[in-house]
Amino acid sequence: MDPEKIEAALESAFGGTAPERRVVARQARDLADSGKHDADRGRPLTVEEVVENLADAPDGDSLPSRWNWWLGALDVAYGGYREFQVERVPRE
């Protein structure tokens, strides 16, 4: 997963701060690199899938909250996604 592409897609779809976009993009890349999503869902994780699923999160949620909402759903369905959740966002 290309870091610049995911960060640009996140900014376009959800805004947020640069640190929020960086940390969510990093977690998305780590998830993609782990192969867990591929094994559980039967396909590679894509930027488009991330954006589509984060768009389903409750309106008004921050970007990290949207990410954690989706990862929570994956964790309930498959288990093992907590390690990819955002625990804190670095300050600028």
C-alpha atoms as a PDB file:
ATOM      1  CA  MET A   1       0.000   0.000   0.000  1.00  0.00           C
ATOM      2  CA  ASP A   2       1.512   3.292  -1.140  1.00  0.00           C
ATOM      3  CA  PRO A   3       1.887   5.714   1.821  1.00  0.00           C
ATOM      4  CA  GLU A   4       1.316   8.828  -0.260  1.00  0.00           C
ATOM      5  CA  LYS A   5      -1.775   7.381  -1.938  1.00  0.00           C
ATOM      6  CA  ILE A   6      -3.444   6.335   1.331  1.00  0.00           C
ATOM      7  CA  GLU A   7      -2.677   9.654   3.036  1.00  0.00           C
ATOM      8  CA  ALA A   8      -4.026  11.629   0.060  1.00  0.00           C
ATOM      9  CA  ALA A   9      -7.172   9.488  -0.077  1.00  0.00           C
ATOM     10  CA  LEU A  10      -7.749   9.908   3.661  1.00  0.00           C
ATOM     11  CA  GLU A  11      -7.298  13.671   3.419  1.00  0.00           C
ATOM     12  CA  SER A  12      -9.681  13.940   0.496  1.00  0.00           C
ATOM     13  CA  ALA A  13     -12.373  11.792   2.087  1.00  0.00           C
ATOM     14  CA  PHE A  14     -12.135  12.732   5.776  1.00  0.00           C
ATOM     15  CA  GLY A  15      -9.788  15.668   6.306  1.00  0.00           C
ATOM     16  CA  GLY A  16      -8.306  15.445   9.764  1.00  0.00           C
ATOM     17  CA  THR A  17      -4.893  16.578  10.835  1.00  0.00           C
ATOM     18  CA  ALA A  18      -1.638  15.520   9.219  1.00  0.00           C
ATOM     19  CA  PRO A  19      -0.656  13.451  12.305  1.00  0.00           C
ATOM     20  CA  GLU A  20      -4.045  11.690  12.251  1.00  0.00           C
ATOM     21  CA  ARG A  21      -3.662  10.833   8.577  1.00  0.00           C
ATOM     22  CA  ARG A  22      -0.088   9.613   9.094  1.00  0.00           C
ATOM     23  CA  VAL A  23      -0.952   7.328  12.002  1.00  0.00           C
ATOM     24  CA  VAL A  24      -4.009   5.833  10.274  1.00  0.00           C
ATOM     25  CA  ALA A  25      -2.041   5.371   7.051  1.00  0.00           C
ATOM     26  CA  ARG A  26       0.747   3.674   9.023  1.00  0.00           C
ATOM     27  CA  GLN A  27      -1.712   1.294  10.676  1.00  0.00           C
ATOM     28  CA  ALA A  28      -3.311   0.535   7.304  1.00  0.00           C
ATOM     29  CA  ARG A  29       0.101  -0.246   5.805  1.00  0.00           C
ATOM     30  CA  ASP A  30       0.986  -2.442   8.795  1.00  0.00           C
ATOM     31  CA  LEU A  31      -2.310  -4.293   8.414  1.00  0.00           C
ATOM     32  CA  ALA A  32      -1.735  -4.759   4.685  1.00  0.00           C
ATOM     33  CA  ASP A  33       1.846  -5.940   5.271  1.00  0.00           C
ATOM     34  CA  SER A  34       0.717  -8.439   7.923  1.00  0.00           C
ATOM     35  CA  GLY A  35      -1.369 -10.421   5.435  1.00  0.00           C
ATOM     36  CA  LYS A  36      -4.120 -10.777   8.059  1.00  0.00           C
ATOM     37  CA  HIS A  37      -6.737  -8.976   5.986  1.00  0.00           C
ATOM     38  CA  ASP A  38      -5.854 -11.103   2.958  1.00  0.00           C
ATOM     39  CA  ALA A  39      -6.207 -14.310   4.961  1.00  0.00           C
ATOM     40  CA  ASP A  40      -9.477 -13.300   6.635  1.00  0.00           C
ATOM     41  CA  ARG A  41     -11.200 -11.519   3.761  1.00  0.00           C
ATOM     42  CA  GLY A  42      -9.698 -13.391   0.815  1.00  0.00           C
ATOM     43  CA  ARG A  43      -8.290 -10.321  -0.912  1.00  0.00           C
ATOM     44  CA  PRO A  44      -5.564  -7.722  -0.394  1.00  0.00           C
ATOM     45  CA  LEU A  45      -6.344  -4.562   1.532  1.00  0.00           C
ATOM     46  CA  THR A  46      -6.697  -1.590  -0.810  1.00  0.00           C
ATOM     47  CA  VAL A  47      -6.884   2.151  -0.343  1.00  0.00           C
ATOM     48  CA  GLU A  48     -10.377   2.078  -1.809  1.00  0.00           C
ATOM     49  CA  GLU A  49     -11.547  -0.508   0.722  1.00  0.00           C
ATOM     50  CA  VAL A  50     -10.149   1.513   3.617  1.00  0.00           C
ATOM     51  CA  VAL A  51     -11.917   4.685   2.464  1.00  0.00           C
ATOM     52  CA  GLU A  52     -15.176   2.843   1.772  1.00  0.00           C
ATOM     53  CA  ASN A  53     -15.253   1.218   5.202  1.00  0.00           C
ATOM     54  CA  LEU A  54     -14.233   4.332   7.104  1.00  0.00           C
ATOM     55  CA  ALA A  55     -17.068   6.191   5.360  1.00  0.00           C
ATOM     56  CA  ASP A  56     -19.502   3.803   7.057  1.00  0.00           C
ATOM     57  CA  ALA A  57     -18.411   4.930  10.533  1.00  0.00           C
ATOM     58  CA  PRO A  58     -20.692   7.263  12.515  1.00  0.00           C
ATOM     59  CA  ASP A  59     -20.794  10.828  11.207  1.00  0.00           C
ATOM     60  CA  GLY A  60     -18.682  13.302  13.111  1.00  0.00           C
ATOM     61  CA  ASP A  61     -16.086  10.759  14.211  1.00  0.00           C
ATOM     62  CA  SER A  62     -12.441  11.730  13.872  1.00  0.00           C
ATOM     63  CA  LEU A  63     -10.294   9.844  11.400  1.00  0.00           C
ATOM     64  CA  PRO A  64      -8.648   7.679  14.108  1.00  0.00           C
ATOM     65  CA  SER A  65     -12.082   6.951  15.614  1.00  0.00           C
ATOM     66  CA  ARG A  66     -13.362   5.885  12.196  1.00  0.00           C
ATOM     67  CA  TRP A  67     -10.357   3.581  11.785  1.00  0.00           C
ATOM     68  CA  ASN A  68     -10.843   2.078  15.241  1.00  0.00           C
ATOM     69  CA  TRP A  69     -14.576   1.629  14.569  1.00  0.00           C
ATOM     70  CA  TRP A  70     -13.832  -0.420  11.459  1.00  0.00           C
ATOM     71  CA  LEU A  71     -11.028  -2.396  13.112  1.00  0.00           C
ATOM     72  CA  GLY A  72     -13.379  -3.131  16.001  1.00  0.00           C
ATOM     73  CA  ALA A  73     -15.858  -4.643  13.561  1.00  0.00           C
ATOM     74  CA  LEU A  74     -13.104  -6.736  11.971  1.00  0.00           C
ATOM     75  CA  ASP A  75     -11.960  -7.841  15.408  1.00  0.00           C
ATOM     76  CA  VAL A  76     -15.467  -9.009  16.320  1.00  0.00           C
ATOM     77  CA  ALA A  77     -15.802 -10.858  13.017  1.00  0.00           C
ATOM     78  CA  TYR A  78     -12.336 -12.431  12.803  1.00  0.00           C
ATOM     79  CA  GLY A  79     -10.303 -11.611  15.916  1.00  0.00           C
ATOM     80  CA  GLY A  80      -6.753 -10.316  16.018  1.00  0.00           C
ATOM     81  CA  TYR A  81      -7.250  -6.732  14.805  1.00  0.00           C
ATOM     82  CA  ARG A  82      -6.725  -4.837  18.066  1.00  0.00           C
ATOM     83  CA  GLU A  83      -3.001  -4.537  17.472  1.00  0.00           C
ATOM     84  CA  PHE A  84      -3.741  -2.390  14.408  1.00  0.00           C
ATOM     85  CA  GLN A  85      -5.974   0.100  16.212  1.00  0.00           C
ATOM     86  CA  VAL A  86      -4.793   3.643  16.862  1.00  0.00           C
ATOM     87  CA  GLU A  87      -3.923   4.151  20.520  1.00  0.00           C
ATOM     88  CA  ARG A  88      -2.675   7.713  20.310  1.00  0.00           C
ATOM     89  CA  VAL A  89      -1.991  10.366  17.722  1.00  0.00           C
ATOM     90  CA  PRO A  90       1.393  12.115  17.899  1.00  0.00           C
ATOM     91  CA  ARG A  91       1.321  15.873  18.223  1.00  0.00           C
ATOM     92  CA  GLU A  92       2.407  17.951  15.274  1.00  0.00           C
END
